[in-house]
Amino acid sequence: MSDSEEDSQDKQLKIVVIGDGASGKTSLATRFAQEAFGKQYKQTIGLDFFLKRITLPGNLNVTLQVWDIGGQTIGGKMLDKYVYGAQGVLLVYDITNFQSFKNLEDWYGMVKKANEECDVQPVVSLVGNKIDLEHMRTVKADKHQRFCQENSLISQFVSAKSGDSVFLAFQRVAAEILGVKLNKAEMEQSQCVVKADIVNYSQEPVARTVNPPRSSICVVQ
């Protein structure tokens, strides 16, 4: 079987990363897709798009379409179109910025509204980023957990800078969408940066587009 034939048999999932600006969305997506971290903050204009293949228990290959939505306010014109049809959402905030946590209610409401016509709402994970700055935390962990419990969200804490639990954040969402159970050992193994194959549809190791035209926005079934 050729590589292209094997790629076509992968399950594909659309995962959207949203939240306030400067909460670390792009750093999180880049750390996961490219295992890299940019030290200087640079606002994402429009949309960054990554493809990466991971393997879930049972030797199940899954290609994740990671949509890093930046430069968008909650009322952004294109935001609902980017989020529509997502099977998974990472709702990201900065644990050192209480306002980014306070705005989660609006972000989550937008996700539900954008997908209200879909048969199934996306799996949503609440991701507290920048745990490497624990000494600067302004959002108490119990507030994070309460928000998760009230809205039935997956609870996760990560550091895009160190890579701590970044792979696990995406892995847990993908597993939940596909009904795959992760045992404790598998989750502990994924807390640190774990290498996974990057989909090679072209000569470049990562598919990446910025400001895609309206016609490129697709709905993933």
C-alpha atoms as a PDB file:
ATOM      1  CA  MET A   1       0.000   0.000   0.000  1.00  0.00           C
ATOM      2  CA  SER A   2       1.421   3.411  -0.975  1.00  0.00           C
ATOM      3  CA  ASP A   3       1.793   6.277   1.468  1.00  0.00           C
ATOM      4  CA  SER A   4      -0.955   8.245  -0.289  1.00  0.00           C
ATOM      5  CA  GLU A   5      -3.365   5.305  -0.010  1.00  0.00           C
ATOM      6  CA  GLU A   6      -2.515   4.912   3.643  1.00  0.00           C
ATOM      7  CA  ASP A   7      -3.061   8.639   4.284  1.00  0.00           C
ATOM      8  CA  SER A   8      -6.517   8.508   2.712  1.00  0.00           C
ATOM      9  CA  GLN A   9      -7.593   5.899   5.248  1.00  0.00           C
ATOM     10  CA  ASP A  10      -6.809   8.137   8.237  1.00  0.00           C
ATOM     11  CA  LYS A  11      -9.730   9.538  10.157  1.00  0.00           C
ATOM     12  CA  GLN A  12      -9.683  13.337   9.981  1.00  0.00           C
ATOM     13  CA  LEU A  13     -10.860  15.638  12.754  1.00  0.00           C
ATOM     14  CA  LYS A  14     -11.266  19.396  12.744  1.00  0.00           C
ATOM     15  CA  ILE A  15      -9.904  20.862  15.993  1.00  0.00           C
ATOM     16  CA  VAL A  16     -10.311  24.604  16.591  1.00  0.00           C
ATOM     17  CA  VAL A  17      -8.157  26.544  19.082  1.00  0.00           C
ATOM     18  CA  ILE A  18      -9.851  29.709  20.377  1.00  0.00           C
ATOM     19  CA  GLY A  19      -9.646  32.177  23.254  1.00  0.00           C
ATOM     20  CA  ASP A  20      -8.444  35.678  24.049  1.00  0.00           C
ATOM     21  CA  GLY A  21      -5.463  37.170  22.264  1.00  0.00           C
ATOM     22  CA  ALA A  22      -2.087  36.512  23.944  1.00  0.00           C
ATOM     23  CA  SER A  23      -3.479  33.474  25.792  1.00  0.00           C
ATOM     24  CA  GLY A  24      -1.006  31.263  23.936  1.00  0.00           C
ATOM     25  CA  LYS A  25      -3.180  29.721  21.220  1.00  0.00           C
ATOM     26  CA  THR A  26      -0.572  29.934  18.464  1.00  0.00           C
ATOM     27  CA  SER A  27       2.203  28.756  20.787  1.00  0.00           C
ATOM     28  CA  LEU A  28       0.043  25.790  21.782  1.00  0.00           C
ATOM     29  CA  ALA A  29      -0.761  24.836  18.176  1.00  0.00           C
ATOM     30  CA  THR A  30       2.843  25.323  17.047  1.00  0.00           C
ATOM     31  CA  ARG A  31       4.233  23.317  19.964  1.00  0.00           C
ATOM     32  CA  PHE A  32       1.892  20.456  19.099  1.00  0.00           C
ATOM     33  CA  ALA A  33       2.363  20.508  15.314  1.00  0.00           C
ATOM     34  CA  GLN A  34       6.029  21.474  15.043  1.00  0.00           C
ATOM     35  CA  GLU A  35       7.406  20.919  18.547  1.00  0.00           C
ATOM     36  CA  ALA A  36       8.645  24.490  18.607  1.00  0.00           C
ATOM     37  CA  PHE A  37       8.043  27.564  20.754  1.00  0.00           C
ATOM     38  CA  GLY A  38       8.358  31.186  19.649  1.00  0.00           C
ATOM     39  CA  LYS A  39       9.727  33.400  22.422  1.00  0.00           C
ATOM     40  CA  GLN A  40       8.351  36.626  20.947  1.00  0.00           C
ATOM     41  CA  TYR A  41       4.605  37.252  20.831  1.00  0.00           C
ATOM     42  CA  LYS A  42       3.260  37.786  17.320  1.00  0.00           C
ATOM     43  CA  GLN A  43      -0.473  38.122  16.808  1.00  0.00           C
ATOM     44  CA  THR A  44      -2.028  35.696  14.349  1.00  0.00           C
ATOM     45  CA  ILE A  45      -3.824  37.545  11.561  1.00  0.00           C
ATOM     46  CA  GLY A  46      -6.805  35.558  10.312  1.00  0.00           C
ATOM     47  CA  LEU A  47      -6.079  31.871  10.580  1.00  0.00           C
ATOM     48  CA  ASP A  48      -3.138  29.481  10.902  1.00  0.00           C
ATOM     49  CA  PHE A  49      -3.789  25.918   9.797  1.00  0.00           C
ATOM     50  CA  PHE A  50      -1.817  22.790  10.680  1.00  0.00           C
ATOM     51  CA  LEU A  51      -2.146  19.114   9.820  1.00  0.00           C
ATOM     52  CA  LYS A  52      -0.657  16.442  12.045  1.00  0.00           C
ATOM     53  CA  ARG A  53      -1.116  12.699  12.327  1.00  0.00           C
ATOM     54  CA  ILE A  54      -1.219  10.997  15.711  1.00  0.00           C
ATOM     55  CA  THR A  55      -1.845   7.384  16.681  1.00  0.00           C
ATOM     56  CA  LEU A  56      -4.428   6.536  19.316  1.00  0.00           C
ATOM     57  CA  PRO A  57      -4.640   3.251  21.246  1.00  0.00           C
ATOM     58  CA  GLY A  58      -5.608   0.375  19.008  1.00  0.00           C
ATOM     59  CA  ASN A  59      -3.180   1.602  16.351  1.00  0.00           C
ATOM     60  CA  LEU A  60      -5.787   4.087  15.133  1.00  0.00           C
ATOM     61  CA  ASN A  61      -4.217   6.758  12.900  1.00  0.00           C
ATOM     62  CA  VAL A  62      -5.921  10.137  13.108  1.00  0.00           C
ATOM     63  CA  THR A  63      -5.120  13.294  11.151  1.00  0.00           C
ATOM     64  CA  LEU A  64      -5.899  16.429  13.131  1.00  0.00           C
ATOM     65  CA  GLN A  65      -6.742  19.619  11.260  1.00  0.00           C
ATOM     66  CA  VAL A  66      -5.721  22.241  13.828  1.00  0.00           C
ATOM     67  CA  TRP A  67      -7.293  25.641  13.192  1.00  0.00           C
ATOM     68  CA  ASP A  68      -5.535  28.376  15.165  1.00  0.00           C
ATOM     69  CA  ILE A  69      -7.934  31.312  15.093  1.00  0.00           C
ATOM     70  CA  GLY A  70      -6.211  34.582  15.925  1.00  0.00           C
ATOM     71  CA  GLY A  71      -6.840  38.284  15.566  1.00  0.00           C
ATOM     72  CA  GLN A  72     -10.537  37.704  16.117  1.00  0.00           C
ATOM     73  CA  THR A  73     -12.774  39.258  18.725  1.00  0.00           C
ATOM     74  CA  ILE A  74     -15.720  37.294  20.027  1.00  0.00           C
ATOM     75  CA  GLY A  75     -17.941  39.210  17.599  1.00  0.00           C
ATOM     76  CA  GLY A  76     -15.612  38.736  14.608  1.00  0.00           C
ATOM     77  CA  LYS A  77     -17.417  38.352  11.265  1.00  0.00           C
ATOM     78  CA  MET A  78     -15.639  35.151  10.216  1.00  0.00           C
ATOM     79  CA  LEU A  79     -15.355  33.542  13.633  1.00  0.00           C
ATOM     80  CA  ASP A  80     -18.558  31.496  13.521  1.00  0.00           C
ATOM     81  CA  LYS A  81     -17.625  30.214  10.043  1.00  0.00           C
ATOM     82  CA  TYR A  82     -14.216  29.045  11.283  1.00  0.00           C
ATOM     83  CA  VAL A  83     -15.761  27.253  14.257  1.00  0.00           C
ATOM     84  CA  TYR A  84     -18.717  25.737  12.380  1.00  0.00           C
ATOM     85  CA  GLY A  85     -18.376  21.997  11.828  1.00  0.00           C
ATOM     86  CA  ALA A  86     -15.540  21.504  14.319  1.00  0.00           C
ATOM     87  CA  GLN A  87     -15.549  18.151  16.073  1.00  0.00           C
ATOM     88  CA  GLY A  88     -13.278  19.419  18.824  1.00  0.00           C
ATOM     89  CA  VAL A  89     -12.528  22.795  20.435  1.00  0.00           C
ATOM     90  CA  LEU A  90      -9.667  23.820  22.704  1.00  0.00           C
ATOM     91  CA  LEU A  91     -10.899  26.754  24.772  1.00  0.00           C
ATOM     92  CA  VAL A  92      -7.641  28.385  25.859  1.00  0.00           C
ATOM     93  CA  TYR A  93      -6.955  30.966  28.552  1.00  0.00           C
ATOM     94  CA  ASP A  94      -3.866  32.267  30.347  1.00  0.00           C
ATOM     95  CA  ILE A  95      -3.733  31.257  34.021  1.00  0.00           C
ATOM     96  CA  THR A  96      -1.899  34.528  34.789  1.00  0.00           C
ATOM     97  CA  ASN A  97      -4.585  36.671  33.134  1.00  0.00           C
ATOM     98  CA  PHE A  98      -7.913  36.599  34.933  1.00  0.00           C
ATOM     99  CA  GLN A  99      -9.690  38.537  32.184  1.00  0.00           C
ATOM    100  CA  SER A 100      -8.879  35.807  29.658  1.00  0.00           C
ATOM    101  CA  PHE A 101     -10.640  33.352  31.978  1.00  0.00           C
ATOM    102  CA  LYS A 102     -13.568  35.700  32.582  1.00  0.00           C
ATOM    103  CA  ASN A 103     -14.193  35.921  28.828  1.00  0.00           C
ATOM    104  CA  LEU A 104     -14.531  32.133  28.471  1.00  0.00           C
ATOM    105  CA  GLU A 105     -18.289  32.305  29.002  1.00  0.00           C
ATOM    106  CA  ASP A 106     -18.637  34.378  25.838  1.00  0.00           C
ATOM    107  CA  TRP A 107     -16.225  32.206  23.842  1.00  0.00           C
ATOM    108  CA  TYR A 108     -18.048  29.034  24.853  1.00  0.00           C
ATOM    109  CA  GLY A 109     -21.409  30.597  24.054  1.00  0.00           C
ATOM    110  CA  MET A 110     -20.145  31.459  20.580  1.00  0.00           C
ATOM    111  CA  VAL A 111     -19.024  27.839  20.023  1.00  0.00           C
ATOM    112  CA  LYS A 112     -22.460  26.502  20.938  1.00  0.00           C
ATOM    113  CA  LYS A 113     -24.250  29.073  18.789  1.00  0.00           C
ATOM    114  CA  ALA A 114     -21.991  28.455  15.762  1.00  0.00           C
ATOM    115  CA  ASN A 115     -22.758  24.737  15.884  1.00  0.00           C
ATOM    116  CA  GLU A 116     -26.425  24.831  16.927  1.00  0.00           C
ATOM    117  CA  GLU A 117     -27.489  23.577  13.485  1.00  0.00           C
ATOM    118  CA  CYS A 118     -25.099  20.618  13.646  1.00  0.00           C
ATOM    119  CA  ASP A 119     -26.390  17.248  14.785  1.00  0.00           C
ATOM    120  CA  VAL A 120     -23.649  16.945  17.396  1.00  0.00           C
ATOM    121  CA  GLN A 121     -21.947  19.666  19.420  1.00  0.00           C
ATOM    122  CA  PRO A 122     -18.122  19.542  19.418  1.00  0.00           C
ATOM    123  CA  VAL A 123     -16.096  18.044  22.245  1.00  0.00           C
ATOM    124  CA  VAL A 124     -14.754  21.037  24.186  1.00  0.00           C
ATOM    125  CA  SER A 125     -11.689  21.109  26.418  1.00  0.00           C
ATOM    126  CA  LEU A 126     -10.884  23.931  28.807  1.00  0.00           C
ATOM    127  CA  VAL A 127      -7.127  24.511  28.573  1.00  0.00           C
ATOM    128  CA  GLY A 128      -5.332  26.583  31.199  1.00  0.00           C
ATOM    129  CA  ASN A 129      -2.059  27.608  29.532  1.00  0.00           C
ATOM    130  CA  LYS A 130       1.263  28.892  30.962  1.00  0.00           C
ATOM    131  CA  ILE A 131       1.546  26.563  33.954  1.00  0.00           C
ATOM    132  CA  ASP A 132       5.285  27.265  33.796  1.00  0.00           C
ATOM    133  CA  LEU A 133       4.249  30.600  35.362  1.00  0.00           C
ATOM    134  CA  GLU A 134       2.457  28.993  38.304  1.00  0.00           C
ATOM    135  CA  HIS A 135       3.946  31.592  40.660  1.00  0.00           C
ATOM    136  CA  MET A 136       2.050  34.288  38.701  1.00  0.00           C
ATOM    137  CA  ARG A 137      -1.291  32.468  38.628  1.00  0.00           C
ATOM    138  CA  THR A 138      -4.377  34.683  39.035  1.00  0.00           C
ATOM    139  CA  VAL A 139      -6.996  32.050  38.153  1.00  0.00           C
ATOM    140  CA  LYS A 140      -7.432  29.536  40.950  1.00  0.00           C
ATOM    141  CA  ALA A 141      -7.612  25.896  39.924  1.00  0.00           C
ATOM    142  CA  ASP A 142     -10.979  25.444  41.643  1.00  0.00           C
ATOM    143  CA  LYS A 143     -12.528  28.134  39.399  1.00  0.00           C
ATOM    144  CA  HIS A 144     -11.185  26.249  36.373  1.00  0.00           C
ATOM    145  CA  GLN A 145     -12.624  22.961  37.629  1.00  0.00           C
ATOM    146  CA  ARG A 146     -15.993  24.518  38.466  1.00  0.00           C
ATOM    147  CA  PHE A 147     -16.333  25.923  34.946  1.00  0.00           C
ATOM    148  CA  CYS A 148     -15.539  22.468  33.531  1.00  0.00           C
ATOM    149  CA  GLN A 149     -18.071  20.737  35.769  1.00  0.00           C
ATOM    150  CA  GLU A 150     -20.840  23.244  35.016  1.00  0.00           C
ATOM    151  CA  ASN A 151     -20.356  22.855  31.261  1.00  0.00           C
ATOM    152  CA  SER A 152     -19.206  19.197  31.042  1.00  0.00           C
ATOM    153  CA  LEU A 153     -15.803  20.142  29.581  1.00  0.00           C
ATOM    154  CA  ILE A 154     -12.518  18.238  29.562  1.00  0.00           C
ATOM    155  CA  SER A 155     -10.158  19.859  32.077  1.00  0.00           C
ATOM    156  CA  GLN A 156      -6.504  20.370  31.177  1.00  0.00           C
ATOM    157  CA  PHE A 157      -3.503  22.469  32.191  1.00  0.00           C
ATOM    158  CA  VAL A 158      -0.560  22.889  29.822  1.00  0.00           C
ATOM    159  CA  SER A 159       2.589  24.874  29.121  1.00  0.00           C
ATOM    160  CA  ALA A 160       3.141  25.688  25.465  1.00  0.00           C
ATOM    161  CA  LYS A 161       6.584  26.977  26.442  1.00  0.00           C
ATOM    162  CA  SER A 162       7.856  23.752  28.042  1.00  0.00           C
ATOM    163  CA  GLY A 163       5.582  21.388  26.095  1.00  0.00           C
ATOM    164  CA  ASP A 164       4.131  19.994  29.329  1.00  0.00           C
ATOM    165  CA  SER A 165       0.862  18.136  28.534  1.00  0.00           C
ATOM    166  CA  VAL A 166       0.458  19.805  25.109  1.00  0.00           C
ATOM    167  CA  PHE A 167       0.300  16.529  23.174  1.00  0.00           C
ATOM    168  CA  LEU A 168      -2.065  15.141  25.806  1.00  0.00           C
ATOM    169  CA  ALA A 169      -4.430  18.113  25.351  1.00  0.00           C
ATOM    170  CA  PHE A 170      -4.990  17.274  21.686  1.00  0.00           C
ATOM    171  CA  GLN A 171      -4.847  13.511  22.241  1.00  0.00           C
ATOM    172  CA  ARG A 172      -7.621  13.572  24.870  1.00  0.00           C
ATOM    173  CA  VAL A 173      -9.949  15.586  22.649  1.00  0.00           C
ATOM    174  CA  ALA A 174      -9.365  13.286  19.663  1.00  0.00           C
ATOM    175  CA  ALA A 175      -9.874  10.204  21.827  1.00  0.00           C
ATOM    176  CA  GLU A 176     -13.102  11.588  23.290  1.00  0.00           C
ATOM    177  CA  ILE A 177     -14.486  12.382  19.825  1.00  0.00           C
ATOM    178  CA  LEU A 178     -13.760   8.851  18.574  1.00  0.00           C
ATOM    179  CA  GLY A 179     -14.805   7.080  21.770  1.00  0.00           C
ATOM    180  CA  VAL A 180     -11.302   5.779  22.478  1.00  0.00           C
ATOM    181  CA  LYS A 181     -10.403   5.190  26.111  1.00  0.00           C
ATOM    182  CA  LEU A 182      -7.004   6.368  27.346  1.00  0.00           C
ATOM    183  CA  ASN A 183      -5.662   4.591  30.404  1.00  0.00           C
ATOM    184  CA  LYS A 184      -3.637   6.313  33.109  1.00  0.00           C
ATOM    185  CA  ALA A 185      -0.295   5.084  31.771  1.00  0.00           C
ATOM    186  CA  GLU A 186      -1.049   6.397  28.270  1.00  0.00           C
ATOM    187  CA  MET A 187      -2.019   9.800  29.605  1.00  0.00           C
ATOM    188  CA  GLU A 188       1.064  10.031  31.821  1.00  0.00           C
ATOM    189  CA  GLN A 189       3.263   9.143  28.858  1.00  0.00           C
ATOM    190  CA  SER A 190       1.678  11.947  26.822  1.00  0.00           C
ATOM    191  CA  GLN A 191       2.196  14.673  29.421  1.00  0.00           C
ATOM    192  CA  CYS A 192       5.620  15.488  27.999  1.00  0.00           C
ATOM    193  CA  VAL A 193       6.335  16.319  24.370  1.00  0.00           C
ATOM    194  CA  VAL A 194       5.820  13.184  22.262  1.00  0.00           C
ATOM    195  CA  LYS A 195       6.847  13.012  18.620  1.00  0.00           C
ATOM    196  CA  ALA A 196       4.205  12.078  16.073  1.00  0.00           C
ATOM    197  CA  ASP A 197       4.275  11.854  12.298  1.00  0.00           C
ATOM    198  CA  ILE A 198       3.450  15.074  10.459  1.00  0.00           C
ATOM    199  CA  VAL A 199       1.234  14.569   7.418  1.00  0.00           C
ATOM    200  CA  ASN A 200       3.275  15.108   4.262  1.00  0.00           C
ATOM    201  CA  TYR A 201       0.762  16.109   1.600  1.00  0.00           C
ATOM    202  CA  SER A 202       3.392  18.229  -0.165  1.00  0.00           C
ATOM    203  CA  GLN A 203       7.082  18.983   0.053  1.00  0.00           C
ATOM    204  CA  GLU A 204       6.531  20.996   3.221  1.00  0.00           C
ATOM    205  CA  PRO A 205       6.267  19.072   6.536  1.00  0.00           C
ATOM    206  CA  VAL A 206       3.333  21.162   7.757  1.00  0.00           C
ATOM    207  CA  ALA A 207       0.367  22.504   5.822  1.00  0.00           C
ATOM    208  CA  ARG A 208      -0.006  26.110   6.879  1.00  0.00           C
ATOM    209  CA  THR A 209      -2.220  28.833   5.427  1.00  0.00           C
ATOM    210  CA  VAL A 210      -2.922  32.365   6.591  1.00  0.00           C
ATOM    211  CA  ASN A 211      -6.101  34.292   5.796  1.00  0.00           C
ATOM    212  CA  PRO A 212      -7.735  31.589   3.632  1.00  0.00           C
ATOM    213  CA  PRO A 213     -10.352  32.755   1.131  1.00  0.00           C
ATOM    214  CA  ARG A 214     -13.985  32.209   2.066  1.00  0.00           C
ATOM    215  CA  SER A 215     -14.231  29.343  -0.431  1.00  0.00           C
ATOM    216  CA  SER A 216     -11.569  27.381   1.452  1.00  0.00           C
ATOM    217  CA  ILE A 217     -13.627  27.105   4.621  1.00  0.00           C
ATOM    218  CA  CYS A 218     -14.927  23.566   4.635  1.00  0.00           C
ATOM    219  CA  VAL A 219     -17.328  21.672   6.836  1.00  0.00           C
ATOM    220  CA  VAL A 220     -15.908  18.424   8.132  1.00  0.00           C
ATOM    221  CA  GLN A 221     -18.463  15.668   8.272  1.00  0.00           C
END
